[in-house]
Amino acid sequence: MSINPSYGYRRIALALNEGKKRVRRVMRLNGIKPYKRKARWRKRRDERRPEAVFGNLIKGSFPIVSNLIWVSDFTYLKYHDQYLYLATIMDLYTREIVGWYLSDRHTKDLVIEAFFDAFQNTGVLPRFVHSDQGSEYNCRDYTTLIERLGVKVSMSKKSSPWENGYQESFFNNFKTELGLEFERFNTMGEFIEAIHQTINYYNQYRIHTTLKMPPTKFRLLHS
C-alpha cells in the first residue's frame, strides 16, 4: 500500500488500521515526517483594498447537512513560464470539492465558472457561499449574480486567511499531492489532466483527518 507523502501519523494510522500511538512511535524512530509546503501565495494587492461590504456570515458555523455552506478560493499553478489559475468550491460539511475551474487568467469569470460547475455537479444551490475579499469575488458582477440566485455572500475579514482556512489547507495539500516539479509533465495537456486527477484523488481516496475517510465516501454515508 502506498501512503501519501503529506500524511501525518493520524492519517497513516487510519489507512493502515493501526493505533495512532504505535504509528507515531514508528515514525519518530525512523525519522519519518509528512512533507509540508511553504506558506502559499498571498494576494497582496487585495490587502491594500478597502474592506468589503460583506461580512463573515459563517464564522463559528458547523453545518450538519451538505450544500448549506460552500467555501471558495483560487490559487496559481506555474508550468514553465505559464500560469494556470485553479478556482475550487468546497462543501463545508462533506469537505468535498464540488466544483472547480481552470483558466490562464484570474478574473471574475474564473470564480463564476467554478460556482456554476458546483451547481451543475450537485443540482442545488447553497444557502451561503464564502470566500476571501479578492477582487475577483468582491466585484459587482459576481456578488450580484450570487445574490440574485438567492444565495447569501459571506467574506473573510481582510488579511485573515484563517477565516477561509478549509480552502487554504486544501490548496497546501493539493500542491503537495500534485507533485513538487510541475515541469515533469511533457505538455500543458498532461499537466491539466494531472490537476483533474489530483482533485478526484482528494475527493475519492484521500483520507480526511476530520472525517476519517475520503470526502465522497463521507457524503454517500451521511448526506
Protein backbone atom coordinates (compact mmCIF):
# COMPACT_ATOMS: atom_id res chain seq x y z
CA MET A 1 0.00 0.00 0.00
CA SER A 2 1.36 3.44 -0.94
CA ILE A 3 0.99 6.20 1.62
CA ASN A 4 0.54 9.83 0.70
CA PRO A 5 3.70 11.90 1.43
CA SER A 6 1.62 14.55 3.23
CA TYR A 7 0.02 12.05 5.62
CA GLY A 8 0.83 12.53 9.28
CA TYR A 9 0.60 9.75 11.85
CA ARG A 10 -3.18 10.13 12.29
CA ARG A 11 -4.00 9.52 8.62
CA ILE A 12 -1.41 6.75 8.32
CA ALA A 13 -2.99 5.04 11.33
CA LEU A 14 -6.40 5.24 9.66
CA ALA A 15 -5.03 3.95 6.33
CA LEU A 16 -3.25 1.01 8.00
CA ASN A 17 -5.92 0.37 10.64
CA GLU A 18 -3.29 0.68 13.34
CA GLY A 19 -3.17 2.56 16.63
CA LYS A 20 -2.09 6.21 16.45
CA LYS A 21 0.45 5.85 19.26
CA ARG A 22 2.13 2.92 17.56
CA VAL A 23 2.34 4.67 14.20
CA ARG A 24 3.66 7.87 15.79
CA ARG A 25 6.35 5.89 17.65
CA VAL A 26 7.46 4.06 14.49
CA MET A 27 7.59 7.30 12.50
CA ARG A 28 9.59 9.02 15.22
CA LEU A 29 12.08 6.15 15.48
CA ASN A 30 12.64 6.18 11.72
CA GLY A 31 12.68 9.95 11.30
CA ILE A 32 9.60 9.94 9.07
CA LYS A 33 7.77 13.25 8.80
CA PRO A 34 4.97 14.36 6.49
CA TYR A 35 6.01 16.73 3.73
CA LYS A 36 4.83 20.29 4.30
CA ARG A 37 4.92 23.02 1.67
CA LYS A 38 5.85 26.57 2.47
CA ALA A 39 3.06 29.07 3.06
CA ARG A 40 1.11 29.58 -0.13
CA TRP A 41 0.76 32.61 -2.37
CA ARG A 42 -0.85 35.67 -0.85
CA LYS A 43 -2.90 38.09 -2.93
CA ARG A 44 -1.06 41.13 -1.59
CA ARG A 45 -2.70 43.60 -3.94
CA ASP A 46 -6.06 42.76 -2.37
CA GLU A 47 -4.71 43.54 1.11
CA ARG A 48 -4.50 47.21 0.08
CA ARG A 49 -8.14 47.41 -0.96
CA PRO A 50 -10.89 48.82 1.29
CA GLU A 51 -12.93 46.36 3.37
CA ALA A 52 -15.76 44.64 1.51
CA VAL A 53 -19.35 45.39 2.46
CA PHE A 54 -19.94 41.67 3.01
CA GLY A 55 -19.14 40.27 6.42
CA ASN A 56 -18.25 36.78 7.56
CA LEU A 57 -21.66 35.11 7.89
CA ILE A 58 -20.34 31.60 8.55
CA LYS A 59 -17.91 32.27 11.39
CA GLY A 60 -18.31 29.54 14.01
CA SER A 61 -20.66 27.54 11.75
CA PHE A 62 -20.51 23.74 11.69
CA PRO A 63 -23.08 22.54 9.15
CA ILE A 64 -24.67 19.13 9.64
CA VAL A 65 -26.03 18.83 6.11
CA SER A 66 -24.40 19.14 2.70
CA ASN A 67 -24.91 22.08 0.34
CA LEU A 68 -25.62 24.53 3.15
CA ILE A 69 -22.25 26.33 3.01
CA TRP A 70 -19.86 26.37 0.08
CA VAL A 71 -16.41 27.90 0.52
CA SER A 72 -14.39 29.11 -2.45
CA ASP A 73 -10.87 30.24 -3.28
CA PHE A 74 -8.33 30.05 -6.08
CA THR A 75 -4.60 29.57 -6.42
CA TYR A 76 -1.98 29.71 -9.15
CA LEU A 77 -0.03 26.83 -10.67
CA LYS A 78 3.12 27.63 -12.65
CA TYR A 79 4.10 25.41 -15.58
CA HIS A 80 7.40 26.54 -17.12
CA ASP A 81 6.75 30.22 -17.93
CA GLN A 82 2.95 29.90 -17.97
CA TYR A 83 0.46 30.32 -15.15
CA LEU A 84 -2.79 28.46 -14.61
CA TYR A 85 -5.33 29.55 -12.02
CA LEU A 86 -7.47 26.96 -10.25
CA ALA A 87 -10.68 28.02 -8.51
CA THR A 88 -12.48 25.49 -6.32
CA ILE A 89 -15.74 25.20 -4.42
CA MET A 90 -15.76 23.04 -1.29
CA ASP A 91 -18.85 21.83 0.56
CA LEU A 92 -18.11 22.69 4.17
CA TYR A 93 -19.98 19.68 5.57
CA THR A 94 -18.52 16.93 3.39
CA ARG A 95 -15.22 18.76 2.61
CA GLU A 96 -15.72 17.57 -0.96
CA ILE A 97 -14.60 19.72 -3.89
CA VAL A 98 -17.95 20.00 -5.65
CA GLY A 99 -16.86 22.41 -8.40
CA TRP A 100 -13.70 23.77 -9.98
CA TYR A 101 -12.47 25.71 -12.97
CA LEU A 102 -9.10 26.29 -14.62
CA SER A 103 -8.09 29.40 -16.54
CA ASP A 104 -4.98 31.25 -17.66
CA ARG A 105 -6.43 34.44 -16.12
CA HIS A 106 -7.69 35.21 -12.62
CA THR A 107 -10.79 37.23 -13.37
CA LYS A 108 -14.39 37.21 -12.19
CA ASP A 109 -15.11 34.56 -14.84
CA LEU A 110 -12.74 32.15 -13.08
CA VAL A 111 -14.73 32.15 -9.85
CA ILE A 112 -18.14 32.40 -11.53
CA GLU A 113 -17.43 29.34 -13.68
CA ALA A 114 -16.29 27.38 -10.62
CA PHE A 115 -19.57 28.27 -8.89
CA PHE A 116 -21.65 27.14 -11.84
CA ASP A 117 -19.63 23.93 -12.09
CA ALA A 118 -20.57 23.19 -8.46
CA PHE A 119 -24.22 23.93 -9.22
CA GLN A 120 -24.12 21.63 -12.26
CA ASN A 121 -22.47 18.82 -10.29
CA THR A 122 -24.76 18.99 -7.24
CA GLY A 123 -28.00 20.21 -8.83
CA VAL A 124 -28.67 22.54 -5.90
CA LEU A 125 -27.66 25.95 -4.63
CA PRO A 126 -26.20 26.53 -1.15
CA ARG A 127 -27.55 28.98 1.40
CA PHE A 128 -24.14 30.64 1.79
CA VAL A 129 -21.04 30.93 -0.37
CA HIS A 130 -17.91 32.11 1.44
CA SER A 131 -14.63 33.45 0.08
CA ASP A 132 -11.90 35.96 0.84
CA GLN A 133 -12.14 39.58 -0.29
CA GLY A 134 -10.18 39.15 -3.51
CA SER A 135 -11.20 41.49 -6.29
CA GLU A 136 -12.50 38.52 -8.29
CA TYR A 137 -15.03 37.78 -5.52
CA ASN A 138 -15.69 41.34 -4.45
CA CYS A 139 -16.67 42.59 -7.91
CA ARG A 140 -20.25 43.63 -8.53
CA ASP A 141 -20.89 41.11 -11.30
CA TYR A 142 -20.05 38.19 -9.02
CA THR A 143 -21.82 39.36 -5.87
CA THR A 144 -24.94 40.49 -7.77
CA LEU A 145 -25.18 37.15 -9.54
CA ILE A 146 -24.86 35.20 -6.29
CA GLU A 147 -27.46 37.32 -4.53
CA ARG A 148 -29.93 37.11 -7.44
CA LEU A 149 -29.73 33.34 -7.17
CA GLY A 150 -30.90 33.66 -3.56
CA VAL A 151 -27.52 32.75 -2.06
CA LYS A 152 -26.00 34.83 0.74
CA VAL A 153 -22.49 36.19 0.14
CA SER A 154 -20.03 35.74 3.02
CA MET A 155 -16.45 37.02 3.07
CA SER A 156 -13.48 36.69 5.37
CA LYS A 157 -12.13 39.77 7.07
CA LYS A 158 -9.35 41.33 5.01
CA SER A 159 -5.88 39.82 5.61
CA SER A 160 -7.43 36.98 7.64
CA PRO A 161 -6.73 33.80 5.65
CA TRP A 162 -7.64 31.61 8.64
CA GLU A 163 -11.29 32.65 8.11
CA ASN A 164 -11.17 30.59 4.92
CA GLY A 165 -8.84 28.01 6.37
CA TYR A 166 -10.53 24.97 4.85
CA GLN A 167 -9.65 26.10 1.35
CA GLU A 168 -6.21 27.27 2.44
CA SER A 169 -5.49 23.81 3.83
CA PHE A 170 -6.86 22.12 0.72
CA PHE A 171 -4.57 24.05 -1.64
CA ASN A 172 -1.48 23.42 0.50
CA ASN A 173 -2.09 19.66 0.41
CA PHE A 174 -3.27 19.72 -3.20
CA LYS A 175 0.04 21.10 -4.45
CA THR A 176 1.98 18.51 -2.44
CA GLU A 177 -0.07 15.69 -3.96
CA LEU A 178 0.17 17.14 -7.46
CA GLY A 179 3.95 16.89 -7.13
CA LEU A 180 6.94 19.11 -6.48
CA GLU A 181 8.12 19.64 -10.07
CA PHE A 182 5.32 20.63 -12.43
CA GLU A 183 7.84 20.78 -15.30
CA ARG A 184 7.98 16.98 -15.29
CA PHE A 185 4.84 16.96 -17.42
CA ASN A 186 5.60 16.84 -21.14
CA THR A 187 2.74 19.09 -22.21
CA MET A 188 0.24 21.51 -20.73
CA GLY A 189 -2.45 18.95 -21.53
CA GLU A 190 -0.73 16.37 -19.31
CA PHE A 191 -0.44 18.94 -16.55
CA ILE A 192 -4.14 19.80 -16.73
CA GLU A 193 -5.07 16.11 -16.70
CA ALA A 194 -2.95 15.63 -13.57
CA ILE A 195 -4.77 18.53 -11.88
CA HIS A 196 -8.13 16.88 -12.52
CA GLN A 197 -6.82 13.50 -11.34
CA THR A 198 -5.48 15.03 -8.12
CA ILE A 199 -8.86 16.61 -7.33
CA ASN A 200 -10.51 13.26 -7.99
CA TYR A 201 -7.97 11.57 -5.72
CA TYR A 202 -8.72 14.08 -2.94
CA ASN A 203 -12.47 13.51 -3.23
CA GLN A 204 -12.48 9.75 -3.73
CA TYR A 205 -9.46 8.28 -1.96
CA ARG A 206 -7.54 10.68 0.28
CA ILE A 207 -8.36 10.22 3.96
CA HIS A 208 -9.54 13.45 5.57
CA THR A 209 -8.41 13.63 9.20
CA THR A 210 -11.64 15.18 10.49
CA LEU A 211 -13.91 12.85 8.50
CA LYS A 212 -11.66 9.78 8.99
CA MET A 213 -12.47 8.83 5.40
CA PRO A 214 -12.44 10.41 1.92
CA PRO A 215 -14.97 13.24 1.37
CA THR A 216 -17.06 11.45 -1.26
CA LYS A 217 -17.40 8.37 0.93
CA PHE A 218 -18.47 10.61 3.82
CA ARG A 219 -21.12 12.27 1.63
CA LEU A 220 -22.52 8.94 0.48
CA LEU A 221 -22.74 7.71 4.06
CA HIS A 222 -24.09 10.85 5.76
CA SER A 223 -25.91 13.02 3.20
